[in-house]
Amino acid sequence: MELEPIIISSSILSANFAKLGEQIAALEQAGVDWIHIDVMDGHFVPNITMGQFIVETCRAITSLPLDVHLMITNPEDHIPSFIKSGANWVSVQVETCPNIYRTLEYIRSLGAHPGVVINPGTPASALQEILHLVDMVLVMTVNPGYSGQTFIPEVLPKIKQLSAMLMGNPNQAKIQVDGGITPATLPLVYQAGARIIVAATSIFKHPAGIAAGVSSLRNAIPALK
């Protein structure tokens, strides 16, 4: 049986920003599908990372889709500027959006693909009423905030549950996972139903370089056969 391909969204959270242009070019040459940009505000998560300027910079560097994950409070205030800066996908945390229905509609109305994100401690049922509004569901497989964390296996049943919930989704939404994804954990999330893989450390910190890191993830899937 032919396996459904994965989409690799490479998180630049682990990139060397002194060589960002070179590293994004290396990602393109290695065949990644998207560039993932983790936006953190120091409030919803403890870390502070990138803003609109980095999205704009990446847009000038690459034509790959930019996959922006807003780990921030009051994301509605910033969604237009991130889309204007070049974001193709904008994902918001369900935990930060009291009016999540409106927020997802807002993202789509501005011309971007809406995604919704849940943390490890948030149940899949929290998304039941809004799945028809999204193009992607991002399941965090670590507690958000830092790169290089260890995969939380207890999240796997939730991925399976969401995969079942998304059957017949009008937007053909896919499940994305982020956190501790390596060649060892990728088959686990794939079997559970994830098809979009966010990876940072396993790509940028691979001892043989970026291309080898991407290749190691691609080659993890045949192990399922």
N, C-alpha and C. Protein backbone atom coordinates (compact mmCIF):
# COMPACT_ATOMS: atom_id res chain seq x y z
N MET A 1 0.85 -1.20 0.00
CA MET A 1 0.00 0.00 0.00
C MET A 1 0.88 1.25 0.00
N GLU A 2 0.55 2.18 -0.87
CA GLU A 2 1.33 3.42 -0.95
C GLU A 2 0.98 4.32 0.22
N LEU A 3 2.02 4.81 0.90
CA LEU A 3 1.81 5.66 2.05
C LEU A 3 1.58 7.10 1.63
N GLU A 4 0.71 7.79 2.35
CA GLU A 4 0.46 9.21 2.09
C GLU A 4 1.72 10.00 2.48
N PRO A 5 2.18 10.91 1.62
CA PRO A 5 3.42 11.63 1.92
C PRO A 5 3.26 12.59 3.10
N ILE A 6 4.39 12.92 3.70
CA ILE A 6 4.38 13.92 4.76
C ILE A 6 4.79 15.28 4.19
N ILE A 7 4.37 16.31 4.88
CA ILE A 7 4.81 17.68 4.62
C ILE A 7 5.77 18.03 5.75
N ILE A 8 7.00 18.42 5.42
CA ILE A 8 7.95 18.84 6.44
C ILE A 8 7.99 20.36 6.51
N SER A 9 7.61 20.87 7.66
CA SER A 9 7.64 22.31 7.92
C SER A 9 8.82 22.56 8.87
N SER A 10 9.89 23.12 8.34
CA SER A 10 11.12 23.27 9.12
C SER A 10 11.06 24.52 9.99
N SER A 11 11.12 24.32 11.29
CA SER A 11 11.08 25.45 12.22
C SER A 11 12.44 26.11 12.30
N ILE A 12 12.47 27.41 12.07
CA ILE A 12 13.73 28.14 12.14
C ILE A 12 14.10 28.53 13.57
N LEU A 13 13.35 28.00 14.55
CA LEU A 13 13.65 28.30 15.94
C LEU A 13 15.06 27.83 16.31
N SER A 14 15.54 26.80 15.63
CA SER A 14 16.89 26.28 15.91
C SER A 14 17.92 26.74 14.89
N ALA A 15 17.53 27.65 14.00
CA ALA A 15 18.46 28.10 12.96
C ALA A 15 19.54 29.02 13.53
N ASN A 16 20.61 29.16 12.78
CA ASN A 16 21.65 30.14 13.09
C ASN A 16 21.26 31.44 12.39
N PHE A 17 20.78 32.42 13.16
CA PHE A 17 20.26 33.64 12.55
C PHE A 17 21.35 34.52 11.95
N ALA A 18 22.59 34.26 12.27
CA ALA A 18 23.68 34.97 11.61
C ALA A 18 23.82 34.52 10.16
N LYS A 19 23.24 33.33 9.85
CA LYS A 19 23.32 32.78 8.50
C LYS A 19 21.93 32.37 8.01
N LEU A 20 20.91 33.14 8.37
CA LEU A 20 19.54 32.73 8.09
C LEU A 20 19.29 32.53 6.60
N GLY A 21 19.78 33.42 5.76
CA GLY A 21 19.58 33.28 4.33
C GLY A 21 20.20 32.00 3.80
N GLU A 22 21.42 31.71 4.23
CA GLU A 22 22.10 30.48 3.79
C GLU A 22 21.36 29.24 4.28
N GLN A 23 20.86 29.31 5.50
CA GLN A 23 20.21 28.14 6.06
C GLN A 23 18.85 27.88 5.40
N ILE A 24 18.12 28.93 5.08
CA ILE A 24 16.85 28.73 4.37
C ILE A 24 17.12 28.20 2.96
N ALA A 25 18.17 28.68 2.31
CA ALA A 25 18.54 28.14 1.00
C ALA A 25 18.88 26.65 1.10
N ALA A 26 19.56 26.28 2.18
CA ALA A 26 19.90 24.87 2.40
C ALA A 26 18.64 24.03 2.64
N LEU A 27 17.67 24.61 3.34
CA LEU A 27 16.40 23.91 3.55
C LEU A 27 15.70 23.67 2.22
N GLU A 28 15.68 24.68 1.37
CA GLU A 28 15.06 24.53 0.05
C GLU A 28 15.75 23.41 -0.75
N GLN A 29 17.07 23.44 -0.75
CA GLN A 29 17.83 22.43 -1.49
C GLN A 29 17.60 21.03 -0.91
N ALA A 30 17.34 20.96 0.39
CA ALA A 30 17.11 19.67 1.03
C ALA A 30 15.69 19.16 0.80
N GLY A 31 14.82 20.02 0.27
CA GLY A 31 13.49 19.59 -0.09
C GLY A 31 12.42 19.75 0.98
N VAL A 32 12.62 20.67 1.93
CA VAL A 32 11.54 20.90 2.89
C VAL A 32 10.36 21.54 2.16
N ASP A 33 9.20 21.41 2.71
CA ASP A 33 7.98 21.89 2.05
C ASP A 33 7.55 23.28 2.51
N TRP A 34 7.68 23.53 3.81
CA TRP A 34 7.28 24.82 4.39
C TRP A 34 8.37 25.31 5.32
N ILE A 35 8.29 26.60 5.66
CA ILE A 35 9.11 27.19 6.71
C ILE A 35 8.19 27.53 7.87
N HIS A 36 8.53 27.01 9.04
CA HIS A 36 7.71 27.21 10.24
C HIS A 36 8.33 28.30 11.11
N ILE A 37 7.50 29.27 11.50
CA ILE A 37 7.99 30.40 12.29
C ILE A 37 7.23 30.45 13.61
N ASP A 38 7.96 30.24 14.72
CA ASP A 38 7.37 30.21 16.06
C ASP A 38 7.42 31.60 16.67
N VAL A 39 6.25 32.19 16.87
CA VAL A 39 6.14 33.54 17.43
C VAL A 39 5.73 33.41 18.90
N MET A 40 6.60 33.86 19.81
CA MET A 40 6.34 33.76 21.24
C MET A 40 6.51 35.13 21.88
N ASP A 41 5.63 35.41 22.85
CA ASP A 41 5.57 36.77 23.40
C ASP A 41 6.06 36.91 24.83
N GLY A 42 6.48 35.81 25.47
CA GLY A 42 6.92 35.90 26.86
C GLY A 42 5.78 35.96 27.86
N HIS A 43 4.54 35.85 27.37
CA HIS A 43 3.36 35.86 28.26
C HIS A 43 2.65 34.50 28.22
N PHE A 44 2.18 34.11 27.05
CA PHE A 44 1.53 32.81 26.92
C PHE A 44 2.54 31.69 27.12
N VAL A 45 3.75 31.91 26.63
CA VAL A 45 4.86 30.98 26.87
C VAL A 45 6.02 31.80 27.45
N PRO A 46 6.96 31.15 28.16
CA PRO A 46 8.00 31.92 28.84
C PRO A 46 9.03 32.56 27.93
N ASN A 47 9.19 32.06 26.72
CA ASN A 47 10.23 32.55 25.83
C ASN A 47 9.72 33.71 24.97
N ILE A 48 10.62 34.51 24.45
CA ILE A 48 10.33 35.57 23.48
C ILE A 48 11.15 35.27 22.23
N THR A 49 10.49 35.23 21.07
CA THR A 49 11.24 34.86 19.87
C THR A 49 11.06 35.89 18.76
N MET A 50 10.31 35.51 17.72
CA MET A 50 10.30 36.26 16.47
C MET A 50 9.00 37.05 16.28
N GLY A 51 9.09 38.09 15.46
CA GLY A 51 7.91 38.89 15.15
C GLY A 51 7.72 39.05 13.66
N GLN A 52 6.95 40.07 13.30
CA GLN A 52 6.61 40.29 11.90
C GLN A 52 7.83 40.53 11.02
N PHE A 53 8.86 41.15 11.59
CA PHE A 53 10.05 41.45 10.78
C PHE A 53 10.71 40.17 10.27
N ILE A 54 10.73 39.13 11.11
CA ILE A 54 11.33 37.87 10.68
C ILE A 54 10.48 37.22 9.59
N VAL A 55 9.16 37.30 9.72
CA VAL A 55 8.29 36.77 8.67
C VAL A 55 8.55 37.51 7.36
N GLU A 56 8.65 38.83 7.43
CA GLU A 56 8.92 39.63 6.23
C GLU A 56 10.27 39.28 5.63
N THR A 57 11.27 39.05 6.49
CA THR A 57 12.60 38.68 6.01
C THR A 57 12.57 37.32 5.31
N CYS A 58 11.88 36.36 5.93
CA CYS A 58 11.77 35.03 5.31
C CYS A 58 11.04 35.11 3.97
N ARG A 59 10.01 35.97 3.91
CA ARG A 59 9.27 36.11 2.66
C ARG A 59 10.17 36.64 1.55
N ALA A 60 11.11 37.50 1.91
CA ALA A 60 12.04 38.04 0.90
C ALA A 60 13.08 37.01 0.47
N ILE A 61 13.33 36.02 1.33
CA ILE A 61 14.36 35.02 1.08
C ILE A 61 13.84 33.84 0.28
N THR A 62 12.59 33.43 0.54
CA THR A 62 12.10 32.18 -0.02
C THR A 62 10.68 32.32 -0.55
N SER A 63 10.35 31.45 -1.50
CA SER A 63 8.97 31.37 -2.01
C SER A 63 8.21 30.22 -1.36
N LEU A 64 8.85 29.48 -0.46
CA LEU A 64 8.15 28.40 0.24
C LEU A 64 7.04 28.97 1.11
N PRO A 65 5.97 28.20 1.33
CA PRO A 65 4.92 28.67 2.23
C PRO A 65 5.48 28.95 3.62
N LEU A 66 5.01 30.04 4.21
CA LEU A 66 5.41 30.40 5.57
C LEU A 66 4.29 30.03 6.53
N ASP A 67 4.63 29.19 7.47
CA ASP A 67 3.71 28.56 8.41
C ASP A 67 3.95 29.22 9.78
N VAL A 68 3.09 30.14 10.16
CA VAL A 68 3.32 30.97 11.35
C VAL A 68 2.45 30.50 12.51
N HIS A 69 3.09 30.16 13.61
CA HIS A 69 2.40 29.69 14.81
C HIS A 69 2.47 30.79 15.87
N LEU A 70 1.31 31.36 16.19
CA LEU A 70 1.24 32.46 17.15
C LEU A 70 1.02 31.94 18.56
N MET A 71 2.08 31.89 19.33
CA MET A 71 2.00 31.52 20.75
C MET A 71 2.01 32.81 21.56
N ILE A 72 0.94 33.58 21.39
CA ILE A 72 0.87 34.92 21.98
C ILE A 72 -0.52 35.19 22.52
N THR A 73 -0.60 36.09 23.48
CA THR A 73 -1.90 36.55 23.95
C THR A 73 -2.45 37.59 22.97
N ASN A 74 -3.76 37.69 22.91
CA ASN A 74 -4.43 38.64 22.00
C ASN A 74 -3.93 38.53 20.56
N PRO A 75 -3.93 37.34 19.99
CA PRO A 75 -3.41 37.19 18.62
C PRO A 75 -4.19 37.99 17.59
N GLU A 76 -5.46 38.24 17.86
CA GLU A 76 -6.29 38.98 16.89
C GLU A 76 -5.70 40.34 16.56
N ASP A 77 -4.98 40.93 17.54
CA ASP A 77 -4.40 42.26 17.33
C ASP A 77 -3.26 42.23 16.31
N HIS A 78 -2.69 41.06 16.09
CA HIS A 78 -1.47 40.98 15.27
C HIS A 78 -1.64 40.16 13.99
N ILE A 79 -2.74 39.46 13.86
CA ILE A 79 -2.95 38.61 12.68
C ILE A 79 -2.81 39.39 11.37
N PRO A 80 -3.43 40.57 11.22
CA PRO A 80 -3.30 41.28 9.93
C PRO A 80 -1.86 41.60 9.56
N SER A 81 -1.05 42.01 10.54
CA SER A 81 0.33 42.39 10.22
C SER A 81 1.17 41.17 9.87
N PHE A 82 0.89 40.02 10.47
CA PHE A 82 1.64 38.82 10.11
C PHE A 82 1.28 38.36 8.69
N ILE A 83 0.02 38.45 8.34
CA ILE A 83 -0.38 38.08 6.99
C ILE A 83 0.19 39.08 5.97
N LYS A 84 0.16 40.35 6.31
CA LYS A 84 0.74 41.36 5.43
C LYS A 84 2.24 41.13 5.24
N SER A 85 2.89 40.60 6.27
CA SER A 85 4.33 40.34 6.20
C SER A 85 4.67 39.13 5.35
N GLY A 86 3.66 38.30 5.04
CA GLY A 86 3.92 37.18 4.14
C GLY A 86 3.49 35.82 4.63
N ALA A 87 2.81 35.74 5.78
CA ALA A 87 2.38 34.44 6.29
C ALA A 87 1.32 33.83 5.38
N ASN A 88 1.50 32.57 5.02
CA ASN A 88 0.51 31.83 4.23
C ASN A 88 -0.44 31.03 5.12
N TRP A 89 0.11 30.53 6.21
CA TRP A 89 -0.65 29.79 7.21
C TRP A 89 -0.50 30.51 8.54
N VAL A 90 -1.61 30.71 9.24
CA VAL A 90 -1.56 31.32 10.57
C VAL A 90 -2.33 30.43 11.53
N SER A 91 -1.61 29.94 12.53
CA SER A 91 -2.23 29.05 13.52
C SER A 91 -2.25 29.75 14.87
N VAL A 92 -3.39 29.65 15.55
CA VAL A 92 -3.56 30.29 16.86
C VAL A 92 -3.89 29.23 17.90
N GLN A 93 -3.48 29.49 19.11
CA GLN A 93 -3.75 28.58 20.22
C GLN A 93 -5.20 28.73 20.68
N VAL A 94 -5.89 27.61 20.79
CA VAL A 94 -7.27 27.67 21.26
C VAL A 94 -7.33 28.24 22.68
N GLU A 95 -6.24 28.04 23.44
CA GLU A 95 -6.24 28.50 24.84
C GLU A 95 -6.18 30.03 24.96
N THR A 96 -5.77 30.73 23.90
CA THR A 96 -5.64 32.19 23.97
C THR A 96 -6.77 32.92 23.27
N CYS A 97 -7.72 32.19 22.70
CA CYS A 97 -8.75 32.81 21.85
C CYS A 97 -10.15 32.57 22.41
N PRO A 98 -10.66 33.48 23.22
CA PRO A 98 -12.01 33.29 23.75
C PRO A 98 -13.08 33.29 22.66
N ASN A 99 -12.79 33.96 21.54
CA ASN A 99 -13.72 33.99 20.40
C ASN A 99 -13.08 33.28 19.22
N ILE A 100 -12.72 32.01 19.44
CA ILE A 100 -11.93 31.26 18.45
C ILE A 100 -12.65 31.15 17.11
N TYR A 101 -13.96 31.02 17.13
CA TYR A 101 -14.74 30.92 15.89
C TYR A 101 -14.48 32.15 15.02
N ARG A 102 -14.62 33.32 15.64
CA ARG A 102 -14.41 34.58 14.93
C ARG A 102 -12.96 34.74 14.46
N THR A 103 -12.01 34.33 15.30
CA THR A 103 -10.60 34.47 14.97
C THR A 103 -10.23 33.65 13.73
N LEU A 104 -10.72 32.42 13.67
CA LEU A 104 -10.43 31.57 12.51
C LEU A 104 -11.06 32.12 11.24
N GLU A 105 -12.28 32.61 11.35
CA GLU A 105 -12.93 33.24 10.19
C GLU A 105 -12.15 34.47 9.74
N TYR A 106 -11.62 35.21 10.70
CA TYR A 106 -10.86 36.43 10.42
C TYR A 106 -9.59 36.10 9.62
N ILE A 107 -8.89 35.05 10.04
CA ILE A 107 -7.67 34.65 9.33
C ILE A 107 -7.99 34.33 7.87
N ARG A 108 -9.04 33.55 7.65
CA ARG A 108 -9.39 33.18 6.28
C ARG A 108 -9.82 34.40 5.47
N SER A 109 -10.54 35.31 6.10
CA SER A 109 -11.01 36.49 5.38
C SER A 109 -9.87 37.37 4.89
N LEU A 110 -8.71 37.26 5.55
CA LEU A 110 -7.53 38.05 5.17
C LEU A 110 -6.65 37.32 4.16
N GLY A 111 -7.08 36.12 3.75
CA GLY A 111 -6.39 35.43 2.67
C GLY A 111 -5.38 34.39 3.08
N ALA A 112 -5.33 34.05 4.37
CA ALA A 112 -4.40 33.02 4.84
C ALA A 112 -5.17 31.76 5.24
N HIS A 113 -4.44 30.65 5.34
CA HIS A 113 -5.03 29.39 5.80
C HIS A 113 -5.10 29.40 7.32
N PRO A 114 -6.27 29.18 7.91
CA PRO A 114 -6.37 29.17 9.37
C PRO A 114 -6.03 27.82 9.96
N GLY A 115 -5.28 27.86 11.06
CA GLY A 115 -4.99 26.66 11.82
C GLY A 115 -5.28 26.89 13.28
N VAL A 116 -5.60 25.81 14.00
CA VAL A 116 -5.83 25.91 15.43
C VAL A 116 -4.87 24.96 16.14
N VAL A 117 -4.40 25.38 17.31
CA VAL A 117 -3.37 24.65 18.04
C VAL A 117 -3.88 24.28 19.42
N ILE A 118 -3.52 23.05 19.87
CA ILE A 118 -3.83 22.67 21.25
C ILE A 118 -2.57 22.18 21.94
N ASN A 119 -2.43 22.56 23.19
CA ASN A 119 -1.31 22.14 24.02
C ASN A 119 -1.51 20.71 24.52
N PRO A 120 -0.47 20.08 25.04
CA PRO A 120 -0.60 18.71 25.52
C PRO A 120 -1.71 18.51 26.55
N GLY A 121 -1.98 19.50 27.36
CA GLY A 121 -2.99 19.35 28.40
C GLY A 121 -4.41 19.70 27.98
N THR A 122 -4.60 20.09 26.73
CA THR A 122 -5.92 20.48 26.23
C THR A 122 -6.55 19.30 25.50
N PRO A 123 -7.79 18.93 25.83
CA PRO A 123 -8.42 17.77 25.18
C PRO A 123 -8.85 18.07 23.75
N ALA A 124 -8.91 17.02 22.95
CA ALA A 124 -9.36 17.16 21.56
C ALA A 124 -10.78 17.71 21.50
N SER A 125 -11.58 17.42 22.49
CA SER A 125 -12.97 17.87 22.49
C SER A 125 -13.10 19.38 22.48
N ALA A 126 -12.04 20.10 22.87
CA ALA A 126 -12.08 21.57 22.87
C ALA A 126 -12.21 22.12 21.46
N LEU A 127 -11.95 21.27 20.44
CA LEU A 127 -11.99 21.73 19.05
C LEU A 127 -13.23 21.25 18.30
N GLN A 128 -14.08 20.50 18.96
CA GLN A 128 -15.20 19.85 18.29
C GLN A 128 -16.03 20.80 17.45
N GLU A 129 -16.31 21.99 17.96
CA GLU A 129 -17.26 22.89 17.31
C GLU A 129 -16.64 23.76 16.22
N ILE A 130 -15.31 23.72 16.07
CA ILE A 130 -14.68 24.65 15.11
C ILE A 130 -13.83 23.96 14.05
N LEU A 131 -13.84 22.64 14.01
CA LEU A 131 -12.98 21.94 13.06
C LEU A 131 -13.34 22.23 11.61
N HIS A 132 -14.60 22.56 11.36
CA HIS A 132 -15.01 22.86 9.98
C HIS A 132 -14.45 24.19 9.49
N LEU A 133 -13.87 24.98 10.40
CA LEU A 133 -13.34 26.30 10.04
C LEU A 133 -11.85 26.28 9.72
N VAL A 134 -11.18 25.15 9.95
CA VAL A 134 -9.72 25.15 9.86
C VAL A 134 -9.22 24.35 8.66
N ASP A 135 -8.00 24.67 8.25
CA ASP A 135 -7.29 23.91 7.23
C ASP A 135 -6.22 23.02 7.85
N MET A 136 -5.97 23.22 9.17
CA MET A 136 -4.93 22.46 9.85
C MET A 136 -5.18 22.49 11.35
N VAL A 137 -4.90 21.36 12.00
CA VAL A 137 -4.90 21.28 13.45
C VAL A 137 -3.49 20.94 13.90
N LEU A 138 -2.90 21.81 14.70
CA LEU A 138 -1.56 21.58 15.22
C LEU A 138 -1.66 21.03 16.64
N VAL A 139 -1.16 19.83 16.83
CA VAL A 139 -1.11 19.20 18.15
C VAL A 139 0.30 19.34 18.69
N MET A 140 0.44 20.06 19.78
CA MET A 140 1.76 20.21 20.39
C MET A 140 2.14 18.92 21.10
N THR A 141 3.31 18.41 20.75
CA THR A 141 3.79 17.17 21.35
C THR A 141 4.88 17.44 22.39
N VAL A 142 5.04 18.72 22.73
CA VAL A 142 5.80 19.18 23.90
C VAL A 142 5.04 20.37 24.46
N ASN A 143 5.41 20.80 25.66
CA ASN A 143 4.87 22.05 26.17
C ASN A 143 5.54 23.20 25.43
N PRO A 144 4.77 24.11 24.84
CA PRO A 144 5.36 25.12 23.96
C PRO A 144 6.27 26.08 24.70
N GLY A 145 7.28 26.57 23.96
CA GLY A 145 8.15 27.59 24.52
C GLY A 145 9.60 27.48 24.14
N TYR A 146 10.08 26.24 23.97
CA TYR A 146 11.51 26.07 23.70
C TYR A 146 11.74 24.95 22.71
N SER A 147 12.80 25.09 21.92
CA SER A 147 13.22 24.04 21.00
C SER A 147 14.04 23.00 21.75
N GLY A 148 14.04 21.77 21.22
CA GLY A 148 14.89 20.74 21.78
C GLY A 148 14.28 19.93 22.91
N GLN A 149 12.97 20.05 23.14
CA GLN A 149 12.33 19.31 24.22
C GLN A 149 12.04 17.86 23.81
N THR A 150 11.73 17.04 24.83
CA THR A 150 11.46 15.62 24.61
C THR A 150 10.00 15.38 24.29
N PHE A 151 9.75 14.58 23.29
CA PHE A 151 8.42 14.20 22.83
C PHE A 151 7.59 13.61 23.99
N ILE A 152 6.31 14.01 24.05
CA ILE A 152 5.38 13.51 25.07
C ILE A 152 4.51 12.43 24.44
N PRO A 153 4.76 11.15 24.71
CA PRO A 153 4.02 10.08 24.03
C PRO A 153 2.54 10.02 24.41
N GLU A 154 2.18 10.58 25.56
CA GLU A 154 0.78 10.56 25.99
C GLU A 154 -0.13 11.33 25.06
N VAL A 155 0.45 12.12 24.15
CA VAL A 155 -0.35 12.90 23.21
C VAL A 155 -0.86 12.04 22.04
N LEU A 156 -0.25 10.90 21.82
CA LEU A 156 -0.60 10.07 20.65
C LEU A 156 -2.09 9.71 20.58
N PRO A 157 -2.75 9.30 21.67
CA PRO A 157 -4.18 9.01 21.57
C PRO A 157 -5.01 10.21 21.13
N LYS A 158 -4.57 11.41 21.50
CA LYS A 158 -5.29 12.62 21.09
C LYS A 158 -5.16 12.85 19.60
N ILE A 159 -4.00 12.55 19.03
CA ILE A 159 -3.83 12.67 17.58
C ILE A 159 -4.78 11.71 16.87
N LYS A 160 -4.85 10.49 17.38
CA LYS A 160 -5.76 9.50 16.79
C LYS A 160 -7.21 9.97 16.89
N GLN A 161 -7.57 10.53 18.02
CA GLN A 161 -8.94 11.02 18.21
C GLN A 161 -9.25 12.14 17.23
N LEU A 162 -8.32 13.07 17.07
CA LEU A 162 -8.54 14.17 16.14
C LEU A 162 -8.60 13.69 14.70
N SER A 163 -7.79 12.69 14.37
CA SER A 163 -7.82 12.13 13.03
C SER A 163 -9.22 11.59 12.71
N ALA A 164 -9.83 10.93 13.68
CA ALA A 164 -11.19 10.42 13.49
C ALA A 164 -12.19 11.56 13.40
N MET A 165 -11.99 12.60 14.20
CA MET A 165 -12.90 13.74 14.20
C MET A 165 -12.86 14.50 12.88
N LEU A 166 -11.70 14.45 12.20
CA LEU A 166 -11.53 15.20 10.95
C LEU A 166 -12.00 14.44 9.72
N MET A 167 -12.44 13.22 9.88
CA MET A 167 -12.94 12.46 8.74
C MET A 167 -14.11 13.21 8.10
N GLY A 168 -14.00 13.48 6.80
CA GLY A 168 -15.05 14.22 6.11
C GLY A 168 -14.97 15.72 6.29
N ASN A 169 -13.87 16.21 6.86
CA ASN A 169 -13.72 17.67 7.05
C ASN A 169 -13.84 18.38 5.70
N PRO A 170 -14.68 19.42 5.61
CA PRO A 170 -14.91 20.08 4.31
C PRO A 170 -13.66 20.73 3.73
N ASN A 171 -12.71 21.10 4.57
CA ASN A 171 -11.49 21.75 4.10
C ASN A 171 -10.34 20.77 3.93
N GLN A 172 -10.62 19.47 4.11
CA GLN A 172 -9.58 18.44 4.03
C GLN A 172 -8.41 18.80 4.95
N ALA A 173 -8.75 19.26 6.14
CA ALA A 173 -7.74 19.68 7.11
C ALA A 173 -6.85 18.51 7.50
N LYS A 174 -5.56 18.82 7.70
CA LYS A 174 -4.59 17.81 8.11
C LYS A 174 -4.09 18.13 9.52
N ILE A 175 -3.54 17.10 10.15
CA ILE A 175 -2.98 17.26 11.48
C ILE A 175 -1.48 17.53 11.38
N GLN A 176 -1.06 18.57 12.07
CA GLN A 176 0.35 18.92 12.19
C GLN A 176 0.80 18.61 13.61
N VAL A 177 2.05 18.20 13.77
CA VAL A 177 2.62 17.97 15.10
C VAL A 177 3.91 18.76 15.24
N ASP A 178 4.19 19.18 16.46
CA ASP A 178 5.37 20.00 16.72
C ASP A 178 5.89 19.69 18.11
N GLY A 179 7.16 19.26 18.16
CA GLY A 179 7.82 19.05 19.44
C GLY A 179 8.45 17.68 19.57
N GLY A 180 9.76 17.64 19.61
CA GLY A 180 10.46 16.38 19.81
C GLY A 180 10.34 15.41 18.66
N ILE A 181 10.13 15.94 17.45
CA ILE A 181 9.98 15.05 16.28
C ILE A 181 11.35 14.66 15.75
N THR A 182 11.60 13.36 15.74
CA THR A 182 12.86 12.78 15.29
C THR A 182 12.52 11.59 14.38
N PRO A 183 13.52 10.97 13.75
CA PRO A 183 13.22 9.76 12.98
C PRO A 183 12.59 8.64 13.83
N ALA A 184 12.82 8.68 15.15
CA ALA A 184 12.23 7.67 16.03
C ALA A 184 10.78 7.97 16.37
N THR A 185 10.43 9.24 16.54
CA THR A 185 9.06 9.58 16.94
C THR A 185 8.15 9.86 15.75
N LEU A 186 8.73 10.18 14.61
CA LEU A 186 7.91 10.50 13.43
C LEU A 186 6.98 9.34 13.04
N PRO A 187 7.44 8.08 12.99
CA PRO A 187 6.50 7.00 12.65
C PRO A 187 5.33 6.89 13.63
N LEU A 188 5.55 7.24 14.89
CA LEU A 188 4.49 7.15 15.89
C LEU A 188 3.37 8.16 15.59
N VAL A 189 3.76 9.39 15.27
CA VAL A 189 2.74 10.40 15.00
C VAL A 189 2.09 10.16 13.64
N TYR A 190 2.86 9.61 12.70
CA TYR A 190 2.30 9.29 11.39
C TYR A 190 1.22 8.22 11.52
N GLN A 191 1.52 7.17 12.27
CA GLN A 191 0.54 6.11 12.48
C GLN A 191 -0.71 6.63 13.19
N ALA A 192 -0.53 7.65 14.04
CA ALA A 192 -1.66 8.23 14.76
C ALA A 192 -2.52 9.13 13.87
N GLY A 193 -1.95 9.60 12.74
CA GLY A 193 -2.73 10.41 11.81
C GLY A 193 -2.13 11.72 11.39
N ALA A 194 -0.97 12.09 11.91
CA ALA A 194 -0.33 13.36 11.54
C ALA A 194 0.32 13.25 10.16
N ARG A 195 0.19 14.31 9.38
CA ARG A 195 0.80 14.32 8.04
C ARG A 195 1.68 15.55 7.82
N ILE A 196 1.63 16.52 8.71
CA ILE A 196 2.48 17.71 8.60
C ILE A 196 3.42 17.69 9.81
N ILE A 197 4.69 17.68 9.55
CA ILE A 197 5.70 17.47 10.59
C ILE A 197 6.53 18.74 10.77
N VAL A 198 6.50 19.30 11.97
CA VAL A 198 7.38 20.43 12.28
C VAL A 198 8.63 19.88 12.94
N ALA A 199 9.77 20.30 12.45
CA ALA A 199 11.05 19.84 13.02
C ALA A 199 12.03 20.99 13.06
N ALA A 200 12.74 21.09 14.15
CA ALA A 200 13.75 22.14 14.32
C ALA A 200 15.10 21.52 14.64
N THR A 201 15.24 21.00 15.86
CA THR A 201 16.51 20.44 16.30
C THR A 201 16.97 19.29 15.41
N SER A 202 16.05 18.41 15.02
CA SER A 202 16.46 17.24 14.24
C SER A 202 16.94 17.60 12.85
N ILE A 203 16.64 18.82 12.41
CA ILE A 203 17.15 19.30 11.12
C ILE A 203 18.41 20.14 11.31
N PHE A 204 18.29 21.21 12.11
CA PHE A 204 19.40 22.16 12.21
C PHE A 204 20.56 21.66 13.05
N LYS A 205 20.29 20.74 13.97
CA LYS A 205 21.36 20.22 14.83
C LYS A 205 21.83 18.83 14.43
N HIS A 206 21.39 18.37 13.26
CA HIS A 206 21.85 17.05 12.81
C HIS A 206 23.37 17.09 12.61
N PRO A 207 24.08 16.10 13.13
CA PRO A 207 25.55 16.16 13.04
C PRO A 207 26.10 16.18 11.62
N ALA A 208 25.31 15.69 10.66
CA ALA A 208 25.79 15.68 9.27
C ALA A 208 25.22 16.84 8.45
N GLY A 209 24.51 17.74 9.09
CA GLY A 209 24.01 18.92 8.40
C GLY A 209 22.52 18.89 8.08
N ILE A 210 22.05 19.99 7.52
CA ILE A 210 20.63 20.20 7.26
C ILE A 210 20.06 19.15 6.30
N ALA A 211 20.73 18.91 5.20
CA ALA A 211 20.22 17.96 4.21
C ALA A 211 20.07 16.57 4.82
N ALA A 212 21.05 16.17 5.61
CA ALA A 212 20.99 14.85 6.25
C ALA A 212 19.85 14.80 7.26
N GLY A 213 19.60 15.91 7.96
CA GLY A 213 18.50 15.95 8.91
C GLY A 213 17.16 15.79 8.23
N VAL A 214 16.98 16.47 7.11
CA VAL A 214 15.71 16.35 6.36
C VAL A 214 15.57 14.94 5.81
N SER A 215 16.65 14.41 5.26
CA SER A 215 16.62 13.06 4.69
C SER A 215 16.28 12.02 5.74
N SER A 216 16.81 12.19 6.95
CA SER A 216 16.54 11.22 8.01
C SER A 216 15.06 11.20 8.38
N LEU A 217 14.40 12.34 8.29
CA LEU A 217 12.96 12.38 8.57
C LEU A 217 12.17 11.73 7.43
N ARG A 218 12.52 12.06 6.20
CA ARG A 218 11.83 11.46 5.06
C ARG A 218 11.97 9.92 5.09
N ASN A 219 13.15 9.47 5.43
CA ASN A 219 13.43 8.03 5.41
C ASN A 219 12.82 7.28 6.59
N ALA A 220 12.26 8.02 7.54
CA ALA A 220 11.65 7.35 8.71
C ALA A 220 10.34 6.68 8.35
N ILE A 221 9.68 7.16 7.30
CA ILE A 221 8.35 6.63 6.97
C ILE A 221 8.39 5.21 6.42
N PRO A 222 9.33 4.80 5.55
CA PRO A 222 9.32 3.42 5.08
C PRO A 222 9.36 2.38 6.18
N ALA A 223 9.79 2.79 7.39
CA ALA A 223 9.82 1.85 8.51
C ALA A 223 8.42 1.36 8.89
N LEU A 224 7.39 2.07 8.39
CA LEU A 224 6.02 1.68 8.70
C LEU A 224 5.56 0.50 7.86
N LYS A 225 6.23 0.25 6.76
CA LYS A 225 5.76 -0.78 5.84
C LYS A 225 5.98 -2.18 6.42
